[in-house]
Amino acid sequence: GLVAANAAWIAWRDGELEQATALGEEALADWSSEGRAGPRVFSWTARFPLLGVEVQRGRVDVALEHAREMLDESQQPLPDEIAAVLSEAVARRSRDHLERALELARPIGYA
């Protein structure tokens, strides 16, 4: 899962949206298999590229679902500033906040 998630991140950075989507979904599928889910899973490694793709495609509802999953308490926590912006995005259903979260995440290699 982590290998596919990292490849999704590279594809997202390269602007290869279809490849980023396929690899991100592959990572999530691997992690959801029996015995793989839990707090040690860094699902944001797959979900940030997927969130970015969906924002770029104008599918805010799908992007917000990725944001909700990244904020789930069972996942590894994100940096406070990114988590706060994602929380605000979910609360307001805001594309602008999703884009801001991506901007904050990019320089530190999260998106």
N, C-alpha and C. Protein backbone atom coordinates (compact mmCIF):
# COMPACT_ATOMS: atom_id res chain seq x y z
N GLY A 1 0.80 -1.19 0.00
CA GLY A 1 0.00 0.00 0.00
C GLY A 1 0.85 1.27 0.00
N LEU A 2 1.89 1.26 0.81
CA LEU A 2 2.71 2.46 0.91
C LEU A 2 3.46 2.72 -0.40
N VAL A 3 3.89 1.67 -1.06
CA VAL A 3 4.58 1.84 -2.34
C VAL A 3 3.63 2.47 -3.36
N ALA A 4 2.40 1.95 -3.44
CA ALA A 4 1.42 2.50 -4.37
C ALA A 4 1.08 3.94 -4.00
N ALA A 5 0.97 4.23 -2.70
CA ALA A 5 0.66 5.59 -2.26
C ALA A 5 1.77 6.56 -2.66
N ASN A 6 3.01 6.15 -2.48
CA ASN A 6 4.13 7.01 -2.88
C ASN A 6 4.15 7.23 -4.39
N ALA A 7 3.84 6.19 -5.14
CA ALA A 7 3.76 6.33 -6.60
C ALA A 7 2.61 7.25 -6.99
N ALA A 8 1.51 7.20 -6.24
CA ALA A 8 0.38 8.11 -6.50
C ALA A 8 0.81 9.55 -6.27
N TRP A 9 1.58 9.78 -5.23
CA TRP A 9 2.09 11.12 -4.93
C TRP A 9 2.95 11.63 -6.08
N ILE A 10 3.83 10.77 -6.60
CA ILE A 10 4.69 11.16 -7.72
C ILE A 10 3.84 11.48 -8.95
N ALA A 11 2.87 10.61 -9.23
CA ALA A 11 1.99 10.84 -10.38
C ALA A 11 1.23 12.15 -10.24
N TRP A 12 0.74 12.42 -9.02
CA TRP A 12 0.02 13.69 -8.76
C TRP A 12 0.94 14.87 -9.01
N ARG A 13 2.16 14.79 -8.50
CA ARG A 13 3.12 15.87 -8.69
C ARG A 13 3.47 16.09 -10.16
N ASP A 14 3.44 14.99 -10.94
CA ASP A 14 3.74 15.06 -12.37
C ASP A 14 2.52 15.43 -13.21
N GLY A 15 1.37 15.61 -12.57
CA GLY A 15 0.16 15.98 -13.30
C GLY A 15 -0.52 14.82 -14.00
N GLU A 16 -0.17 13.60 -13.63
CA GLU A 16 -0.77 12.40 -14.23
C GLU A 16 -1.96 11.96 -13.38
N LEU A 17 -3.10 12.59 -13.62
CA LEU A 17 -4.26 12.41 -12.75
C LEU A 17 -4.81 10.98 -12.77
N GLU A 18 -4.90 10.38 -13.93
CA GLU A 18 -5.43 9.00 -14.01
C GLU A 18 -4.52 8.04 -13.25
N GLN A 19 -3.23 8.18 -13.44
CA GLN A 19 -2.26 7.31 -12.76
C GLN A 19 -2.31 7.55 -11.24
N ALA A 20 -2.40 8.80 -10.83
CA ALA A 20 -2.48 9.11 -9.40
C ALA A 20 -3.73 8.49 -8.79
N THR A 21 -4.83 8.56 -9.50
CA THR A 21 -6.07 7.97 -9.01
C THR A 21 -5.95 6.46 -8.88
N ALA A 22 -5.46 5.82 -9.92
CA ALA A 22 -5.35 4.35 -9.90
C ALA A 22 -4.43 3.88 -8.77
N LEU A 23 -3.31 4.54 -8.60
CA LEU A 23 -2.35 4.13 -7.57
C LEU A 23 -2.86 4.45 -6.17
N GLY A 24 -3.51 5.60 -6.01
CA GLY A 24 -4.09 5.93 -4.71
C GLY A 24 -5.16 4.94 -4.30
N GLU A 25 -6.01 4.59 -5.25
CA GLU A 25 -7.06 3.60 -4.96
C GLU A 25 -6.46 2.21 -4.67
N GLU A 26 -5.39 1.88 -5.37
CA GLU A 26 -4.70 0.61 -5.11
C GLU A 26 -4.17 0.57 -3.67
N ALA A 27 -3.58 1.66 -3.23
CA ALA A 27 -3.06 1.73 -1.86
C ALA A 27 -4.18 1.58 -0.84
N LEU A 28 -5.28 2.29 -1.04
CA LEU A 28 -6.39 2.20 -0.10
C LEU A 28 -6.98 0.80 -0.08
N ALA A 29 -7.06 0.16 -1.22
CA ALA A 29 -7.58 -1.21 -1.29
C ALA A 29 -6.67 -2.16 -0.52
N ASP A 30 -5.37 -1.98 -0.65
CA ASP A 30 -4.43 -2.83 0.07
C ASP A 30 -4.59 -2.65 1.58
N TRP A 31 -4.70 -1.41 2.00
CA TRP A 31 -4.81 -1.14 3.43
C TRP A 31 -6.13 -1.59 4.02
N SER A 32 -7.16 -1.69 3.19
CA SER A 32 -8.44 -2.12 3.73
C SER A 32 -8.58 -3.64 3.77
N SER A 33 -7.58 -4.35 3.23
CA SER A 33 -7.63 -5.80 3.27
C SER A 33 -7.47 -6.28 4.70
N GLU A 34 -7.88 -7.48 4.95
CA GLU A 34 -7.89 -8.04 6.30
C GLU A 34 -6.54 -7.86 7.00
N GLY A 35 -6.60 -7.35 8.21
CA GLY A 35 -5.40 -7.21 9.04
C GLY A 35 -4.51 -6.04 8.70
N ARG A 36 -4.88 -5.19 7.73
CA ARG A 36 -3.99 -4.12 7.32
C ARG A 36 -4.39 -2.76 7.86
N ALA A 37 -5.64 -2.56 8.25
CA ALA A 37 -6.10 -1.25 8.69
C ALA A 37 -5.70 -1.01 10.14
N GLY A 38 -5.61 0.24 10.51
CA GLY A 38 -5.30 0.57 11.88
C GLY A 38 -4.53 1.86 11.99
N PRO A 39 -4.17 2.25 13.20
CA PRO A 39 -3.54 3.56 13.41
C PRO A 39 -2.15 3.69 12.80
N ARG A 40 -1.51 2.59 12.46
CA ARG A 40 -0.17 2.69 11.86
C ARG A 40 -0.24 2.99 10.37
N VAL A 41 -1.42 2.94 9.81
CA VAL A 41 -1.57 3.21 8.38
C VAL A 41 -1.58 4.72 8.14
N PHE A 42 -0.76 5.14 7.27
CA PHE A 42 -0.68 6.55 6.90
C PHE A 42 -1.53 6.76 5.65
N SER A 43 -2.84 6.69 5.80
CA SER A 43 -3.71 6.77 4.62
C SER A 43 -3.59 8.11 3.91
N TRP A 44 -3.13 9.14 4.59
CA TRP A 44 -2.99 10.43 3.92
C TRP A 44 -2.00 10.36 2.77
N THR A 45 -1.08 9.40 2.80
CA THR A 45 -0.12 9.30 1.70
C THR A 45 -0.82 8.97 0.39
N ALA A 46 -1.93 8.26 0.46
CA ALA A 46 -2.75 8.00 -0.73
C ALA A 46 -3.84 9.04 -0.89
N ARG A 47 -4.39 9.48 0.23
CA ARG A 47 -5.56 10.37 0.16
C ARG A 47 -5.21 11.79 -0.28
N PHE A 48 -4.03 12.30 0.06
CA PHE A 48 -3.69 13.65 -0.40
C PHE A 48 -3.64 13.73 -1.92
N PRO A 49 -2.96 12.79 -2.61
CA PRO A 49 -3.01 12.86 -4.07
C PRO A 49 -4.43 12.71 -4.61
N LEU A 50 -5.21 11.81 -4.00
CA LEU A 50 -6.60 11.64 -4.45
C LEU A 50 -7.41 12.90 -4.21
N LEU A 51 -7.21 13.54 -3.06
CA LEU A 51 -7.89 14.80 -2.76
C LEU A 51 -7.52 15.84 -3.82
N GLY A 52 -6.25 15.94 -4.12
CA GLY A 52 -5.79 16.91 -5.12
C GLY A 52 -6.40 16.67 -6.49
N VAL A 53 -6.46 15.40 -6.90
CA VAL A 53 -7.07 15.06 -8.18
C VAL A 53 -8.53 15.49 -8.20
N GLU A 54 -9.24 15.17 -7.13
CA GLU A 54 -10.67 15.48 -7.10
C GLU A 54 -10.93 16.98 -7.06
N VAL A 55 -10.11 17.73 -6.35
CA VAL A 55 -10.24 19.19 -6.36
C VAL A 55 -10.01 19.70 -7.77
N GLN A 56 -8.98 19.20 -8.41
CA GLN A 56 -8.67 19.65 -9.76
C GLN A 56 -9.81 19.32 -10.73
N ARG A 57 -10.47 18.21 -10.51
CA ARG A 57 -11.60 17.81 -11.36
C ARG A 57 -12.90 18.50 -10.98
N GLY A 58 -12.88 19.27 -9.89
CA GLY A 58 -14.08 19.97 -9.45
C GLY A 58 -15.05 19.11 -8.67
N ARG A 59 -14.58 17.97 -8.21
CA ARG A 59 -15.43 17.04 -7.45
C ARG A 59 -15.18 17.24 -5.96
N VAL A 60 -15.68 18.33 -5.45
CA VAL A 60 -15.43 18.74 -4.06
C VAL A 60 -15.98 17.72 -3.07
N ASP A 61 -17.16 17.16 -3.33
CA ASP A 61 -17.74 16.19 -2.40
C ASP A 61 -16.83 14.98 -2.20
N VAL A 62 -16.23 14.50 -3.28
CA VAL A 62 -15.33 13.35 -3.19
C VAL A 62 -14.05 13.77 -2.45
N ALA A 63 -13.54 14.95 -2.75
CA ALA A 63 -12.35 15.45 -2.06
C ALA A 63 -12.61 15.60 -0.57
N LEU A 64 -13.80 16.07 -0.21
CA LEU A 64 -14.14 16.22 1.21
C LEU A 64 -14.20 14.88 1.92
N GLU A 65 -14.61 13.84 1.23
CA GLU A 65 -14.61 12.51 1.84
C GLU A 65 -13.18 12.07 2.16
N HIS A 66 -12.25 12.35 1.28
CA HIS A 66 -10.83 12.04 1.56
C HIS A 66 -10.36 12.85 2.77
N ALA A 67 -10.75 14.11 2.83
CA ALA A 67 -10.37 14.95 3.98
C ALA A 67 -10.92 14.36 5.27
N ARG A 68 -12.18 13.95 5.27
CA ARG A 68 -12.78 13.35 6.47
C ARG A 68 -11.99 12.12 6.92
N GLU A 69 -11.64 11.29 5.96
CA GLU A 69 -10.90 10.06 6.29
C GLU A 69 -9.52 10.38 6.86
N MET A 70 -8.87 11.42 6.32
CA MET A 70 -7.54 11.79 6.83
C MET A 70 -7.62 12.31 8.26
N LEU A 71 -8.76 12.86 8.63
CA LEU A 71 -8.93 13.41 9.98
C LEU A 71 -9.43 12.39 10.99
N ASP A 72 -9.75 11.19 10.53
CA ASP A 72 -10.25 10.15 11.43
C ASP A 72 -9.21 9.88 12.53
N GLU A 73 -9.68 9.74 13.75
CA GLU A 73 -8.78 9.56 14.89
C GLU A 73 -7.97 8.27 14.83
N SER A 74 -8.41 7.30 14.04
CA SER A 74 -7.66 6.05 13.94
C SER A 74 -6.43 6.16 13.05
N GLN A 75 -6.30 7.28 12.33
CA GLN A 75 -5.17 7.49 11.44
C GLN A 75 -4.07 8.28 12.13
N GLN A 76 -2.89 8.21 11.56
CA GLN A 76 -1.80 9.03 12.07
C GLN A 76 -2.19 10.50 11.89
N PRO A 77 -1.98 11.31 12.91
CA PRO A 77 -2.39 12.72 12.79
C PRO A 77 -1.52 13.49 11.81
N LEU A 78 -2.17 14.44 11.17
CA LEU A 78 -1.48 15.37 10.28
C LEU A 78 -0.91 16.52 11.10
N PRO A 79 0.01 17.29 10.53
CA PRO A 79 0.45 18.51 11.23
C PRO A 79 -0.76 19.37 11.58
N ASP A 80 -0.69 20.02 12.71
CA ASP A 80 -1.83 20.77 13.24
C ASP A 80 -2.42 21.77 12.25
N GLU A 81 -1.59 22.54 11.58
CA GLU A 81 -2.10 23.56 10.67
C GLU A 81 -2.87 22.95 9.51
N ILE A 82 -2.36 21.86 8.96
CA ILE A 82 -3.05 21.18 7.86
C ILE A 82 -4.35 20.57 8.35
N ALA A 83 -4.30 19.93 9.50
CA ALA A 83 -5.52 19.33 10.07
C ALA A 83 -6.59 20.38 10.31
N ALA A 84 -6.19 21.54 10.80
CA ALA A 84 -7.15 22.60 11.08
C ALA A 84 -7.82 23.09 9.79
N VAL A 85 -7.03 23.24 8.74
CA VAL A 85 -7.59 23.71 7.47
C VAL A 85 -8.49 22.64 6.86
N LEU A 86 -8.09 21.38 6.96
CA LEU A 86 -8.95 20.31 6.45
C LEU A 86 -10.25 20.23 7.25
N SER A 87 -10.16 20.40 8.55
CA SER A 87 -11.37 20.40 9.39
C SER A 87 -12.31 21.52 8.97
N GLU A 88 -11.74 22.67 8.71
CA GLU A 88 -12.54 23.81 8.27
C GLU A 88 -13.15 23.53 6.89
N ALA A 89 -12.39 22.90 6.02
CA ALA A 89 -12.91 22.53 4.69
C ALA A 89 -14.13 21.63 4.82
N VAL A 90 -14.03 20.64 5.70
CA VAL A 90 -15.14 19.72 5.91
C VAL A 90 -16.33 20.46 6.50
N ALA A 91 -16.10 21.26 7.50
CA ALA A 91 -17.18 21.99 8.16
C ALA A 91 -17.91 22.94 7.21
N ARG A 92 -17.15 23.60 6.37
CA ARG A 92 -17.73 24.60 5.46
C ARG A 92 -18.03 24.04 4.07
N ARG A 93 -17.58 22.78 3.82
CA ARG A 93 -17.71 22.18 2.49
C ARG A 93 -17.04 23.11 1.46
N SER A 94 -15.82 23.50 1.77
CA SER A 94 -15.14 24.58 1.06
C SER A 94 -14.00 24.08 0.17
N ARG A 95 -14.14 24.35 -1.11
CA ARG A 95 -13.07 24.06 -2.05
C ARG A 95 -11.84 24.92 -1.73
N ASP A 96 -12.07 26.19 -1.36
CA ASP A 96 -10.96 27.09 -1.04
C ASP A 96 -10.10 26.53 0.09
N HIS A 97 -10.74 25.97 1.11
CA HIS A 97 -9.97 25.40 2.22
C HIS A 97 -9.24 24.13 1.80
N LEU A 98 -9.85 23.34 0.93
CA LEU A 98 -9.15 22.16 0.41
C LEU A 98 -7.90 22.59 -0.35
N GLU A 99 -8.04 23.61 -1.18
CA GLU A 99 -6.88 24.10 -1.93
C GLU A 99 -5.81 24.66 -0.99
N ARG A 100 -6.24 25.32 0.07
CA ARG A 100 -5.28 25.85 1.05
C ARG A 100 -4.55 24.71 1.75
N ALA A 101 -5.26 23.64 2.07
CA ALA A 101 -4.61 22.48 2.70
C ALA A 101 -3.56 21.89 1.76
N LEU A 102 -3.88 21.81 0.49
CA LEU A 102 -2.90 21.31 -0.49
C LEU A 102 -1.68 22.23 -0.57
N GLU A 103 -1.93 23.54 -0.52
CA GLU A 103 -0.81 24.50 -0.54
C GLU A 103 0.09 24.33 0.67
N LEU A 104 -0.51 24.12 1.84
CA LEU A 104 0.27 23.94 3.06
C LEU A 104 1.02 22.61 3.04
N ALA A 105 0.41 21.61 2.47
CA ALA A 105 1.00 20.27 2.47
C ALA A 105 2.13 20.11 1.46
N ARG A 106 2.06 20.83 0.38
CA ARG A 106 3.05 20.65 -0.71
C ARG A 106 4.49 20.93 -0.27
N PRO A 107 4.81 22.04 0.38
CA PRO A 107 6.21 22.32 0.71
C PRO A 107 6.84 21.30 1.67
N ILE A 108 6.02 20.63 2.45
CA ILE A 108 6.57 19.65 3.38
C ILE A 108 6.43 18.21 2.88
N GLY A 109 6.04 18.09 1.60
CA GLY A 109 6.01 16.79 0.95
C GLY A 109 4.79 15.92 1.26
N TYR A 110 3.76 16.50 1.81
CA TYR A 110 2.55 15.73 2.10
C TYR A 110 1.64 15.65 0.89
N ALA A 111 1.72 16.60 -0.02
CA ALA A 111 0.87 16.61 -1.22
C ALA A 111 1.67 17.08 -2.41
